[in-house]
Amino acid sequence: MAETVDRKESPSVWVAKHCFARIAPRKARLVMALIRGRRCSDALTLLQFSPQRAAVFIGKTLKSAMANANEAEAEMGRLFVSEARVDGGPIMKRWRPKDRGRAHPIQKKMSHLIVKVSER
């Protein structure tokens, strides 16, 4: 006689990444902390009315993760942001001419935005 094994289904996780976003990681982390652990609908509303420039990048990434979940026929009302992370990307180095023939360095920083959503 065959045994029946109860397998606990792990919740599915859907990921969206925006690599090489032209925003400093320090600034993006402030906005990313606002949506971490929230329901996706609440997070989108919060990002929509946030004045920070990073909210636009993060909002698009969150919508992409939600679209990935919708494609897998997940229940959209139960989705929440399980992980929201900002990693530092490459830095473009530029020089700005200053007085007396000197040059000062300018660092144009980039970020990698990672948003993971899952069902509750």
PDB file of N, CA and C in Angstrom:
ATOM      1  N   MET A   1       0.838  -1.175   0.000  1.00  0.00           N
ATOM      2  CA  MET A   1       0.000   0.000   0.000  1.00  0.00           C
ATOM      3  C   MET A   1       0.888   1.246   0.000  1.00  0.00           C
ATOM      4  N   ALA A   2       0.547   2.189  -0.853  1.00  0.00           N
ATOM      5  CA  ALA A   2       1.350   3.408  -0.984  1.00  0.00           C
ATOM      6  C   ALA A   2       1.017   4.398   0.124  1.00  0.00           C
ATOM      7  N   GLU A   3       2.055   5.033   0.612  1.00  0.00           N
ATOM      8  CA  GLU A   3       1.848   6.047   1.648  1.00  0.00           C
ATOM      9  C   GLU A   3       1.499   7.381   0.993  1.00  0.00           C
ATOM     10  N   THR A   4       0.677   8.139   1.681  1.00  0.00           N
ATOM     11  CA  THR A   4       0.395   9.493   1.215  1.00  0.00           C
ATOM     12  C   THR A   4       1.245  10.459   2.025  1.00  0.00           C
ATOM     13  N   VAL A   5       1.931  11.285   1.336  1.00  0.00           N
ATOM     14  CA  VAL A   5       2.816  12.243   1.987  1.00  0.00           C
ATOM     15  C   VAL A   5       2.197  13.631   1.843  1.00  0.00           C
ATOM     16  N   ASP A   6       2.015  14.294   2.971  1.00  0.00           N
ATOM     17  CA  ASP A   6       1.508  15.664   2.935  1.00  0.00           C
ATOM     18  C   ASP A   6       2.682  16.605   2.691  1.00  0.00           C
ATOM     19  N   ARG A   7       2.638  17.262   1.578  1.00  0.00           N
ATOM     20  CA  ARG A   7       3.685  18.232   1.267  1.00  0.00           C
ATOM     21  C   ARG A   7       3.137  19.623   1.514  1.00  0.00           C
ATOM     22  N   LYS A   8       3.834  20.329   2.347  1.00  0.00           N
ATOM     23  CA  LYS A   8       3.432  21.706   2.609  1.00  0.00           C
ATOM     24  C   LYS A   8       3.886  22.559   1.431  1.00  0.00           C
ATOM     25  N   GLU A   9       2.929  23.173   0.761  1.00  0.00           N
ATOM     26  CA  GLU A   9       3.268  23.979  -0.400  1.00  0.00           C
ATOM     27  C   GLU A   9       3.890  25.293   0.048  1.00  0.00           C
ATOM     28  N   SER A  10       5.055  25.552  -0.473  1.00  0.00           N
ATOM     29  CA  SER A  10       5.686  26.832  -0.153  1.00  0.00           C
ATOM     30  C   SER A  10       4.996  27.919  -0.973  1.00  0.00           C
ATOM     31  N   PRO A  11       4.802  29.082  -0.384  1.00  0.00           N
ATOM     32  CA  PRO A  11       4.123  30.142  -1.135  1.00  0.00           C
ATOM     33  C   PRO A  11       4.979  30.596  -2.312  1.00  0.00           C
ATOM     34  N   SER A  12       4.331  30.838  -3.410  1.00  0.00           N
ATOM     35  CA  SER A  12       5.058  31.285  -4.597  1.00  0.00           C
ATOM     36  C   SER A  12       5.502  32.730  -4.429  1.00  0.00           C
ATOM     37  N   VAL A  13       6.646  33.008  -4.969  1.00  0.00           N
ATOM     38  CA  VAL A  13       7.216  34.353  -4.898  1.00  0.00           C
ATOM     39  C   VAL A  13       7.484  34.819  -6.324  1.00  0.00           C
ATOM     40  N   TRP A  14       7.066  36.040  -6.617  1.00  0.00           N
ATOM     41  CA  TRP A  14       7.286  36.618  -7.934  1.00  0.00           C
ATOM     42  C   TRP A  14       8.228  37.804  -7.792  1.00  0.00           C
ATOM     43  N   VAL A  15       9.194  37.869  -8.694  1.00  0.00           N
ATOM     44  CA  VAL A  15      10.287  38.836  -8.575  1.00  0.00           C
ATOM     45  C   VAL A  15      10.287  39.782  -9.775  1.00  0.00           C
ATOM     46  N   ALA A  16      10.629  41.030  -9.507  1.00  0.00           N
ATOM     47  CA  ALA A  16      10.892  42.005 -10.571  1.00  0.00           C
ATOM     48  C   ALA A  16      12.144  42.783 -10.187  1.00  0.00           C
ATOM     49  N   LYS A  17      12.999  43.008 -11.181  1.00  0.00           N
ATOM     50  CA  LYS A  17      14.247  43.730 -10.938  1.00  0.00           C
ATOM     51  C   LYS A  17      14.364  44.895 -11.916  1.00  0.00           C
ATOM     52  N   HIS A  18      14.870  45.990 -11.413  1.00  0.00           N
ATOM     53  CA  HIS A  18      15.236  47.116 -12.273  1.00  0.00           C
ATOM     54  C   HIS A  18      16.709  47.377 -12.016  1.00  0.00           C
ATOM     55  N   CYS A  19      17.521  46.907 -12.931  1.00  0.00           N
ATOM     56  CA  CYS A  19      18.964  47.064 -12.772  1.00  0.00           C
ATOM     57  C   CYS A  19      19.422  48.353 -13.447  1.00  0.00           C
ATOM     58  N   PHE A  20      20.468  48.918 -12.916  1.00  0.00           N
ATOM     59  CA  PHE A  20      21.091  50.133 -13.437  1.00  0.00           C
ATOM     60  C   PHE A  20      20.139  51.331 -13.432  1.00  0.00           C
ATOM     61  N   ALA A  21      19.308  51.429 -12.395  1.00  0.00           N
ATOM     62  CA  ALA A  21      18.430  52.595 -12.252  1.00  0.00           C
ATOM     63  C   ALA A  21      19.286  53.797 -11.887  1.00  0.00           C
ATOM     64  N   ARG A  22      19.066  54.922 -12.563  1.00  0.00           N
ATOM     65  CA  ARG A  22      19.907  56.101 -12.355  1.00  0.00           C
ATOM     66  C   ARG A  22      19.436  56.897 -11.147  1.00  0.00           C
ATOM     67  N   ILE A  23      19.587  56.294  -9.978  1.00  0.00           N
ATOM     68  CA  ILE A  23      19.291  56.975  -8.723  1.00  0.00           C
ATOM     69  C   ILE A  23      20.241  56.427  -7.670  1.00  0.00           C
ATOM     70  N   ALA A  24      20.627  57.263  -6.746  1.00  0.00           N
ATOM     71  CA  ALA A  24      21.571  56.841  -5.708  1.00  0.00           C
ATOM     72  C   ALA A  24      20.903  55.823  -4.783  1.00  0.00           C
ATOM     73  N   PRO A  25      21.620  54.769  -4.383  1.00  0.00           N
ATOM     74  CA  PRO A  25      21.034  53.751  -3.512  1.00  0.00           C
ATOM     75  C   PRO A  25      20.540  54.308  -2.184  1.00  0.00           C
ATOM     76  N   ARG A  26      21.246  55.283  -1.655  1.00  0.00           N
ATOM     77  CA  ARG A  26      20.860  55.854  -0.364  1.00  0.00           C
ATOM     78  C   ARG A  26      19.479  56.516  -0.438  1.00  0.00           C
ATOM     79  N   LYS A  27      19.207  57.182  -1.553  1.00  0.00           N
ATOM     80  CA  LYS A  27      17.917  57.847  -1.727  1.00  0.00           C
ATOM     81  C   LYS A  27      16.806  56.835  -2.005  1.00  0.00           C
ATOM     82  N   ALA A  28      17.126  55.787  -2.760  1.00  0.00           N
ATOM     83  CA  ALA A  28      16.122  54.781  -3.094  1.00  0.00           C
ATOM     84  C   ALA A  28      15.744  53.938  -1.879  1.00  0.00           C
ATOM     85  N   ARG A  29      16.688  53.704  -0.977  1.00  0.00           N
ATOM     86  CA  ARG A  29      16.404  52.891   0.210  1.00  0.00           C
ATOM     87  C   ARG A  29      15.373  53.547   1.119  1.00  0.00           C
ATOM     88  N   LEU A  30      15.352  54.873   1.167  1.00  0.00           N
ATOM     89  CA  LEU A  30      14.364  55.571   1.986  1.00  0.00           C
ATOM     90  C   LEU A  30      12.944  55.266   1.518  1.00  0.00           C
ATOM     91  N   VAL A  31      12.742  55.235   0.209  1.00  0.00           N
ATOM     92  CA  VAL A  31      11.416  54.966  -0.346  1.00  0.00           C
ATOM     93  C   VAL A  31      11.092  53.480  -0.258  1.00  0.00           C
ATOM     94  N   MET A  32      12.086  52.630  -0.478  1.00  0.00           N
ATOM     95  CA  MET A  32      11.866  51.186  -0.439  1.00  0.00           C
ATOM     96  C   MET A  32      11.441  50.736   0.951  1.00  0.00           C
ATOM     97  N   ALA A  33      11.931  51.407   1.984  1.00  0.00           N
ATOM     98  CA  ALA A  33      11.556  51.053   3.357  1.00  0.00           C
ATOM     99  C   ALA A  33      10.077  51.318   3.620  1.00  0.00           C
ATOM    100  N   LEU A  34       9.475  52.234   2.878  1.00  0.00           N
ATOM    101  CA  LEU A  34       8.061  52.554   3.074  1.00  0.00           C
ATOM    102  C   LEU A  34       7.144  51.417   2.651  1.00  0.00           C
ATOM    103  N   ILE A  35       7.524  50.662   1.617  1.00  0.00           N
ATOM    104  CA  ILE A  35       6.616  49.647   1.073  1.00  0.00           C
ATOM    105  C   ILE A  35       6.895  48.245   1.589  1.00  0.00           C
ATOM    106  N   ARG A  36       8.005  48.045   2.260  1.00  0.00           N
ATOM    107  CA  ARG A  36       8.393  46.708   2.708  1.00  0.00           C
ATOM    108  C   ARG A  36       7.349  46.135   3.668  1.00  0.00           C
ATOM    109  N   GLY A  37       6.799  44.956   3.338  1.00  0.00           N
ATOM    110  CA  GLY A  37       5.841  44.274   4.202  1.00  0.00           C
ATOM    111  C   GLY A  37       4.395  44.699   4.017  1.00  0.00           C
ATOM    112  N   ARG A  38       4.116  45.654   3.159  1.00  0.00           N
ATOM    113  CA  ARG A  38       2.749  46.140   2.957  1.00  0.00           C
ATOM    114  C   ARG A  38       2.036  45.358   1.860  1.00  0.00           C
ATOM    115  N   ARG A  39       0.701  45.478   1.853  1.00  0.00           N
ATOM    116  CA  ARG A  39      -0.076  44.926   0.748  1.00  0.00           C
ATOM    117  C   ARG A  39       0.277  45.702  -0.511  1.00  0.00           C
ATOM    118  N   CYS A  40       0.242  45.030  -1.653  1.00  0.00           N
ATOM    119  CA  CYS A  40       0.676  45.663  -2.903  1.00  0.00           C
ATOM    120  C   CYS A  40      -0.191  46.859  -3.271  1.00  0.00           C
ATOM    121  N   SER A  41      -1.501  46.754  -3.048  1.00  0.00           N
ATOM    122  CA  SER A  41      -2.378  47.877  -3.389  1.00  0.00           C
ATOM    123  C   SER A  41      -2.066  49.094  -2.526  1.00  0.00           C
ATOM    124  N   ASP A  42      -1.797  48.863  -1.234  1.00  0.00           N
ATOM    125  CA  ASP A  42      -1.440  49.973  -0.342  1.00  0.00           C
ATOM    126  C   ASP A  42      -0.094  50.577  -0.733  1.00  0.00           C
ATOM    127  N   ALA A  43       0.842  49.723  -1.106  1.00  0.00           N
ATOM    128  CA  ALA A  43       2.175  50.199  -1.483  1.00  0.00           C
ATOM    129  C   ALA A  43       2.114  51.056  -2.747  1.00  0.00           C
ATOM    130  N   LEU A  44       1.292  50.646  -3.725  1.00  0.00           N
ATOM    131  CA  LEU A  44       1.164  51.434  -4.951  1.00  0.00           C
ATOM    132  C   LEU A  44       0.566  52.809  -4.671  1.00  0.00           C
ATOM    133  N   THR A  45      -0.445  52.844  -3.791  1.00  0.00           N
ATOM    134  CA  THR A  45      -1.053  54.126  -3.423  1.00  0.00           C
ATOM    135  C   THR A  45      -0.038  55.023  -2.733  1.00  0.00           C
ATOM    136  N   LEU A  46       0.742  54.435  -1.844  1.00  0.00           N
ATOM    137  CA  LEU A  46       1.766  55.190  -1.122  1.00  0.00           C
ATOM    138  C   LEU A  46       2.810  55.762  -2.080  1.00  0.00           C
ATOM    139  N   LEU A  47       3.227  54.953  -3.044  1.00  0.00           N
ATOM    140  CA  LEU A  47       4.232  55.405  -4.008  1.00  0.00           C
ATOM    141  C   LEU A  47       3.679  56.470  -4.956  1.00  0.00           C
ATOM    142  N   GLN A  48       2.398  56.352  -5.268  1.00  0.00           N
ATOM    143  CA  GLN A  48       1.777  57.295  -6.191  1.00  0.00           C
ATOM    144  C   GLN A  48       1.800  58.721  -5.637  1.00  0.00           C
ATOM    145  N   PHE A  49       1.647  58.856  -4.319  1.00  0.00           N
ATOM    146  CA  PHE A  49       1.596  60.175  -3.700  1.00  0.00           C
ATOM    147  C   PHE A  49       2.900  60.564  -3.008  1.00  0.00           C
ATOM    148  N   SER A  50       3.945  59.799  -3.240  1.00  0.00           N
ATOM    149  CA  SER A  50       5.236  60.111  -2.648  1.00  0.00           C
ATOM    150  C   SER A  50       5.978  61.108  -3.545  1.00  0.00           C
ATOM    151  N   PRO A  51       6.525  62.180  -2.983  1.00  0.00           N
ATOM    152  CA  PRO A  51       7.182  63.189  -3.815  1.00  0.00           C
ATOM    153  C   PRO A  51       8.591  62.813  -4.274  1.00  0.00           C
ATOM    154  N   GLN A  52       9.167  61.761  -3.716  1.00  0.00           N
ATOM    155  CA  GLN A  52      10.538  61.394  -4.071  1.00  0.00           C
ATOM    156  C   GLN A  52      10.618  60.848  -5.500  1.00  0.00           C
ATOM    157  N   ARG A  53      11.733  61.108  -6.154  1.00  0.00           N
ATOM    158  CA  ARG A  53      11.948  60.641  -7.519  1.00  0.00           C
ATOM    159  C   ARG A  53      12.065  59.123  -7.582  1.00  0.00           C
ATOM    160  N   ALA A  54      12.567  58.513  -6.520  1.00  0.00           N
ATOM    161  CA  ALA A  54      12.736  57.058  -6.495  1.00  0.00           C
ATOM    162  C   ALA A  54      11.398  56.332  -6.521  1.00  0.00           C
ATOM    163  N   ALA A  55      10.326  56.990  -6.100  1.00  0.00           N
ATOM    164  CA  ALA A  55       9.008  56.357  -6.060  1.00  0.00           C
ATOM    165  C   ALA A  55       8.548  55.943  -7.455  1.00  0.00           C
ATOM    166  N   VAL A  56       8.945  56.677  -8.477  1.00  0.00           N
ATOM    167  CA  VAL A  56       8.568  56.340  -9.852  1.00  0.00           C
ATOM    168  C   VAL A  56       9.236  55.033 -10.270  1.00  0.00           C
ATOM    169  N   PHE A  57      10.541  54.915 -10.023  1.00  0.00           N
ATOM    170  CA  PHE A  57      11.273  53.695 -10.374  1.00  0.00           C
ATOM    171  C   PHE A  57      10.726  52.491  -9.610  1.00  0.00           C
ATOM    172  N   ILE A  58      10.508  52.659  -8.317  1.00  0.00           N
ATOM    173  CA  ILE A  58      10.055  51.555  -7.470  1.00  0.00           C
ATOM    174  C   ILE A  58       8.621  51.170  -7.815  1.00  0.00           C
ATOM    175  N   GLY A  59       7.791  52.155  -8.144  1.00  0.00           N
ATOM    176  CA  GLY A  59       6.411  51.870  -8.542  1.00  0.00           C
ATOM    177  C   GLY A  59       6.344  51.019  -9.798  1.00  0.00           C
ATOM    178  N   LYS A  60       7.186  51.324 -10.776  1.00  0.00           N
ATOM    179  CA  LYS A  60       7.212  50.535 -12.010  1.00  0.00           C
ATOM    180  C   LYS A  60       7.691  49.114 -11.741  1.00  0.00           C
ATOM    181  N   THR A  61       8.659  48.977 -10.856  1.00  0.00           N
ATOM    182  CA  THR A  61       9.178  47.650 -10.519  1.00  0.00           C
ATOM    183  C   THR A  61       8.122  46.836  -9.781  1.00  0.00           C
ATOM    184  N   LEU A  62       7.394  47.477  -8.865  1.00  0.00           N
ATOM    185  CA  LEU A  62       6.327  46.788  -8.132  1.00  0.00           C
ATOM    186  C   LEU A  62       5.208  46.365  -9.071  1.00  0.00           C
ATOM    187  N   LYS A  63       4.837  47.220 -10.015  1.00  0.00           N
ATOM    188  CA  LYS A  63       3.799  46.862 -10.987  1.00  0.00           C
ATOM    189  C   LYS A  63       4.235  45.678 -11.841  1.00  0.00           C
ATOM    190  N   SER A  64       5.517  45.616 -12.166  1.00  0.00           N
ATOM    191  CA  SER A  64       6.038  44.495 -12.943  1.00  0.00           C
ATOM    192  C   SER A  64       5.961  43.192 -12.155  1.00  0.00           C
ATOM    193  N   ALA A  65       6.290  43.243 -10.862  1.00  0.00           N
ATOM    194  CA  ALA A  65       6.198  42.047 -10.020  1.00  0.00           C
ATOM    195  C   ALA A  65       4.744  41.597  -9.885  1.00  0.00           C
ATOM    196  N   MET A  66       3.830  42.559  -9.771  1.00  0.00           N
ATOM    197  CA  MET A  66       2.407  42.216  -9.680  1.00  0.00           C
ATOM    198  C   MET A  66       1.905  41.611 -10.992  1.00  0.00           C
ATOM    199  N   ALA A  67       2.402  42.107 -12.122  1.00  0.00           N
ATOM    200  CA  ALA A  67       2.027  41.549 -13.419  1.00  0.00           C
ATOM    201  C   ALA A  67       2.548  40.121 -13.564  1.00  0.00           C
ATOM    202  N   ASN A  68       3.738  39.859 -13.034  1.00  0.00           N
ATOM    203  CA  ASN A  68       4.275  38.493 -13.052  1.00  0.00           C
ATOM    204  C   ASN A  68       3.393  37.561 -12.233  1.00  0.00           C
ATOM    205  N   ALA A  69       2.911  38.042 -11.089  1.00  0.00           N
ATOM    206  CA  ALA A  69       2.027  37.230 -10.249  1.00  0.00           C
ATOM    207  C   ALA A  69       0.685  37.012 -10.936  1.00  0.00           C
ATOM    208  N   ASN A  70       0.183  38.038 -11.601  1.00  0.00           N
ATOM    209  CA  ASN A  70      -1.092  37.927 -12.307  1.00  0.00           C
ATOM    210  C   ASN A  70      -0.991  36.933 -13.455  1.00  0.00           C
ATOM    211  N   GLU A  71       0.165  36.896 -14.095  1.00  0.00           N
ATOM    212  CA  GLU A  71       0.403  35.955 -15.193  1.00  0.00           C
ATOM    213  C   GLU A  71       0.363  34.511 -14.695  1.00  0.00           C
ATOM    214  N   ALA A  72       0.771  34.304 -13.447  1.00  0.00           N
ATOM    215  CA  ALA A  72       0.748  32.969 -12.846  1.00  0.00           C
ATOM    216  C   ALA A  72      -0.581  32.692 -12.152  1.00  0.00           C
ATOM    217  N   GLU A  73      -1.579  33.559 -12.390  1.00  0.00           N
ATOM    218  CA  GLU A  73      -2.934  33.415 -11.855  1.00  0.00           C
ATOM    219  C   GLU A  73      -2.969  33.427 -10.334  1.00  0.00           C
ATOM    220  N   ALA A  74      -2.196  34.318  -9.735  1.00  0.00           N
ATOM    221  CA  ALA A  74      -2.238  34.501  -8.285  1.00  0.00           C
ATOM    222  C   ALA A  74      -3.430  35.381  -7.939  1.00  0.00           C
ATOM    223  N   GLU A  75      -3.871  35.270  -6.705  1.00  0.00           N
ATOM    224  CA  GLU A  75      -4.983  36.094  -6.241  1.00  0.00           C
ATOM    225  C   GLU A  75      -4.436  37.481  -5.897  1.00  0.00           C
ATOM    226  N   MET A  76      -4.829  38.474  -6.681  1.00  0.00           N
ATOM    227  CA  MET A  76      -4.238  39.812  -6.573  1.00  0.00           C
ATOM    228  C   MET A  76      -4.547  40.497  -5.245  1.00  0.00           C
ATOM    229  N   GLY A  77      -5.661  40.172  -4.637  1.00  0.00           N
ATOM    230  CA  GLY A  77      -6.031  40.796  -3.366  1.00  0.00           C
ATOM    231  C   GLY A  77      -5.185  40.332  -2.194  1.00  0.00           C
ATOM    232  N   ARG A  78      -4.511  39.198  -2.352  1.00  0.00           N
ATOM    233  CA  ARG A  78      -3.722  38.631  -1.253  1.00  0.00           C
ATOM    234  C   ARG A  78      -2.229  38.919  -1.380  1.00  0.00           C
ATOM    235  N   LEU A  79      -1.826  39.655  -2.390  1.00  0.00           N
ATOM    236  CA  LEU A  79      -0.400  39.908  -2.613  1.00  0.00           C
ATOM    237  C   LEU A  79       0.143  40.951  -1.643  1.00  0.00           C
ATOM    238  N   PHE A  80       1.359  40.713  -1.176  1.00  0.00           N
ATOM    239  CA  PHE A  80       2.059  41.691  -0.350  1.00  0.00           C
ATOM    240  C   PHE A  80       3.535  41.696  -0.730  1.00  0.00           C
ATOM    241  N   VAL A  81       4.214  42.758  -0.358  1.00  0.00           N
ATOM    242  CA  VAL A  81       5.636  42.910  -0.680  1.00  0.00           C
ATOM    243  C   VAL A  81       6.435  42.114   0.347  1.00  0.00           C
ATOM    244  N   SER A  82       6.938  40.962  -0.060  1.00  0.00           N
ATOM    245  CA  SER A  82       7.672  40.107   0.874  1.00  0.00           C
ATOM    246  C   SER A  82       9.127  40.544   1.023  1.00  0.00           C
ATOM    247  N   GLU A  83       9.696  41.097  -0.042  1.00  0.00           N
ATOM    248  CA  GLU A  83      11.073  41.592   0.040  1.00  0.00           C
ATOM    249  C   GLU A  83      11.219  42.799  -0.881  1.00  0.00           C
ATOM    250  N   ALA A  84      11.838  43.830  -0.366  1.00  0.00           N
ATOM    251  CA  ALA A  84      12.111  45.036  -1.155  1.00  0.00           C
ATOM    252  C   ALA A  84      13.537  45.455  -0.832  1.00  0.00           C
ATOM    253  N   ARG A  85      14.390  45.408  -1.838  1.00  0.00           N
ATOM    254  CA  ARG A  85      15.816  45.604  -1.590  1.00  0.00           C
ATOM    255  C   ARG A  85      16.417  46.549  -2.635  1.00  0.00           C
ATOM    256  N   VAL A  86      17.384  47.330  -2.200  1.00  0.00           N
ATOM    257  CA  VAL A  86      18.139  48.203  -3.105  1.00  0.00           C
ATOM    258  C   VAL A  86      19.614  47.856  -2.955  1.00  0.00           C
ATOM    259  N   ASP A  87      20.221  47.432  -4.043  1.00  0.00           N
ATOM    260  CA  ASP A  87      21.653  47.152  -4.059  1.00  0.00           C
ATOM    261  C   ASP A  87      22.355  48.245  -4.854  1.00  0.00           C
ATOM    262  N   GLY A  88      23.567  48.515  -4.480  1.00  0.00           N
ATOM    263  CA  GLY A  88      24.349  49.516  -5.199  1.00  0.00           C
ATOM    264  C   GLY A  88      24.793  48.992  -6.549  1.00  0.00           C
ATOM    265  N   GLY A  89      24.720  49.830  -7.542  1.00  0.00           N
ATOM    266  CA  GLY A  89      25.163  49.474  -8.884  1.00  0.00           C
ATOM    267  C   GLY A  89      26.497  50.128  -9.188  1.00  0.00           C
ATOM    268  N   PRO A  90      26.862  50.163 -10.450  1.00  0.00           N
ATOM    269  CA  PRO A  90      28.119  50.808 -10.822  1.00  0.00           C
ATOM    270  C   PRO A  90      28.035  52.326 -10.672  1.00  0.00           C
ATOM    271  N   ILE A  91      29.184  52.949 -10.628  1.00  0.00           N
ATOM    272  CA  ILE A  91      29.268  54.398 -10.477  1.00  0.00           C
ATOM    273  C   ILE A  91      29.954  54.970 -11.718  1.00  0.00           C
ATOM    274  N   MET A  92      29.281  55.927 -12.353  1.00  0.00           N
ATOM    275  CA  MET A  92      29.909  56.636 -13.471  1.00  0.00           C
ATOM    276  C   MET A  92      30.692  57.804 -12.889  1.00  0.00           C
ATOM    277  N   LYS A  93      31.951  57.893 -13.249  1.00  0.00           N
ATOM    278  CA  LYS A  93      32.790  58.957 -12.712  1.00  0.00           C
ATOM    279  C   LYS A  93      32.976  60.039 -13.767  1.00  0.00           C
ATOM    280  N   ARG A  94      32.688  61.265 -13.370  1.00  0.00           N
ATOM    281  CA  ARG A  94      32.811  62.420 -14.248  1.00  0.00           C
ATOM    282  C   ARG A  94      33.657  63.477 -13.553  1.00  0.00           C
ATOM    283  N   TRP A  95      34.115  64.456 -14.316  1.00  0.00           N
ATOM    284  CA  TRP A  95      34.926  65.539 -13.761  1.00  0.00           C
ATOM    285  C   TRP A  95      34.266  66.867 -14.062  1.00  0.00           C
ATOM    286  N   ARG A  96      34.264  67.738 -13.079  1.00  0.00           N
ATOM    287  CA  ARG A  96      33.671  69.063 -13.226  1.00  0.00           C
ATOM    288  C   ARG A  96      34.789  70.103 -13.153  1.00  0.00           C
ATOM    289  N   PRO A  97      34.897  70.952 -14.171  1.00  0.00           N
ATOM    290  CA  PRO A  97      35.940  71.976 -14.124  1.00  0.00           C
ATOM    291  C   PRO A  97      35.654  73.011 -13.033  1.00  0.00           C
ATOM    292  N   LYS A  98      36.696  73.342 -12.308  1.00  0.00           N
ATOM    293  CA  LYS A  98      36.581  74.327 -11.228  1.00  0.00           C
ATOM    294  C   LYS A  98      37.602  75.435 -11.439  1.00  0.00           C
ATOM    295  N   ASP A  99      37.679  76.307 -10.476  1.00  0.00           N
ATOM    296  CA  ASP A  99      38.553  77.470 -10.602  1.00  0.00           C
ATOM    297  C   ASP A  99      40.038  77.085 -10.626  1.00  0.00           C
ATOM    298  N   ARG A 100      40.826  77.949 -11.207  1.00  0.00           N
ATOM    299  CA  ARG A 100      42.285  77.833 -11.275  1.00  0.00           C
ATOM    300  C   ARG A 100      42.736  76.544 -11.982  1.00  0.00           C
ATOM    301  N   GLY A 101      41.927  76.071 -12.929  1.00  0.00           N
ATOM    302  CA  GLY A 101      42.319  74.917 -13.726  1.00  0.00           C
ATOM    303  C   GLY A 101      42.171  73.579 -13.045  1.00  0.00           C
ATOM    304  N   ARG A 102      41.529  73.563 -11.908  1.00  0.00           N
ATOM    305  CA  ARG A 102      41.359  72.298 -11.192  1.00  0.00           C
ATOM    306  C   ARG A 102      40.113  71.561 -11.678  1.00  0.00           C
ATOM    307  N   ALA A 103      40.024  70.292 -11.297  1.00  0.00           N
ATOM    308  CA  ALA A 103      38.856  69.479 -11.640  1.00  0.00           C
ATOM    309  C   ALA A 103      38.393  68.746 -10.390  1.00  0.00           C
ATOM    310  N   HIS A 104      37.089  68.760 -10.170  1.00  0.00           N
ATOM    311  CA  HIS A 104      36.518  68.046  -9.032  1.00  0.00           C
ATOM    312  C   HIS A 104      35.733  66.843  -9.532  1.00  0.00           C
ATOM    313  N   PRO A 105      35.841  65.705  -8.825  1.00  0.00           N
ATOM    314  CA  PRO A 105      35.138  64.503  -9.285  1.00  0.00           C
ATOM    315  C   PRO A 105      33.637  64.560  -8.979  1.00  0.00           C
ATOM    316  N   ILE A 106      32.852  64.014  -9.898  1.00  0.00           N
ATOM    317  CA  ILE A 106      31.410  63.853  -9.726  1.00  0.00           C
ATOM    318  C   ILE A 106      31.129  62.364  -9.848  1.00  0.00           C
ATOM    319  N   GLN A 107      30.362  61.821  -8.913  1.00  0.00           N
ATOM    320  CA  GLN A 107      29.988  60.406  -8.966  1.00  0.00           C
ATOM    321  C   GLN A 107      28.504  60.296  -9.281  1.00  0.00           C
ATOM    322  N   LYS A 108      28.179  59.659 -10.401  1.00  0.00           N
ATOM    323  CA  LYS A 108      26.788  59.422 -10.768  1.00  0.00           C
ATOM    324  C   LYS A 108      26.479  57.974 -10.415  1.00  0.00           C
ATOM    325  N   LYS A 109      25.739  57.790  -9.327  1.00  0.00           N
ATOM    326  CA  LYS A 109      25.520  56.456  -8.783  1.00  0.00           C
ATOM    327  C   LYS A 109      24.292  55.798  -9.394  1.00  0.00           C
ATOM    328  N   MET A 110      24.341  54.469  -9.465  1.00  0.00           N
ATOM    329  CA  MET A 110      23.226  53.674  -9.976  1.00  0.00           C
ATOM    330  C   MET A 110      22.815  52.656  -8.931  1.00  0.00           C
ATOM    331  N   SER A 111      21.585  52.143  -9.077  1.00  0.00           N
ATOM    332  CA  SER A 111      21.037  51.186  -8.118  1.00  0.00           C
ATOM    333  C   SER A 111      20.447  49.996  -8.855  1.00  0.00           C
ATOM    334  N   HIS A 112      20.377  48.882  -8.150  1.00  0.00           N
ATOM    335  CA  HIS A 112      19.635  47.717  -8.608  1.00  0.00           C
ATOM    336  C   HIS A 112      18.457  47.564  -7.653  1.00  0.00           C
ATOM    337  N   LEU A 113      17.228  47.689  -8.176  1.00  0.00           N
ATOM    338  CA  LEU A 113      16.020  47.596  -7.360  1.00  0.00           C
ATOM    339  C   LEU A 113      15.433  46.198  -7.504  1.00  0.00           C
ATOM    340  N   ILE A 114      15.186  45.520  -6.381  1.00  0.00           N
ATOM    341  CA  ILE A 114      14.616  44.175  -6.388  1.00  0.00           C
ATOM    342  C   ILE A 114      13.360  44.183  -5.532  1.00  0.00           C
ATOM    343  N   VAL A 115      12.230  43.785  -6.133  1.00  0.00           N
ATOM    344  CA  VAL A 115      10.960  43.711  -5.410  1.00  0.00           C
ATOM    345  C   VAL A 115      10.415  42.301  -5.573  1.00  0.00           C
ATOM    346  N   LYS A 116      10.089  41.658  -4.442  1.00  0.00           N
ATOM    347  CA  LYS A 116       9.491  40.326  -4.459  1.00  0.00           C
ATOM    348  C   LYS A 116       8.120  40.404  -3.808  1.00  0.00           C
ATOM    349  N   VAL A 117       7.121  39.815  -4.468  1.00  0.00           N
ATOM    350  CA  VAL A 117       5.770  39.771  -3.907  1.00  0.00           C
ATOM    351  C   VAL A 117       5.353  38.317  -3.742  1.00  0.00           C
ATOM    352  N   SER A 118       4.530  38.063  -2.736  1.00  0.00           N
ATOM    353  CA  SER A 118       4.006  36.718  -2.514  1.00  0.00           C
ATOM    354  C   SER A 118       2.612  36.823  -1.917  1.00  0.00           C
ATOM    355  N   GLU A 119       1.928  35.684  -1.853  1.00  0.00           N
ATOM    356  CA  GLU A 119       0.567  35.651  -1.312  1.00  0.00           C
ATOM    357  C   GLU A 119       0.595  35.404   0.179  1.00  0.00           C
ATOM    358  N   ARG A 120      -0.355  35.990   0.874  1.00  0.00           N
ATOM    359  CA  ARG A 120      -0.500  35.739   2.307  1.00  0.00           C
ATOM    360  C   ARG A 120      -1.360  34.537   2.516  1.00  0.00           C
TER     361      ARG A 120
END
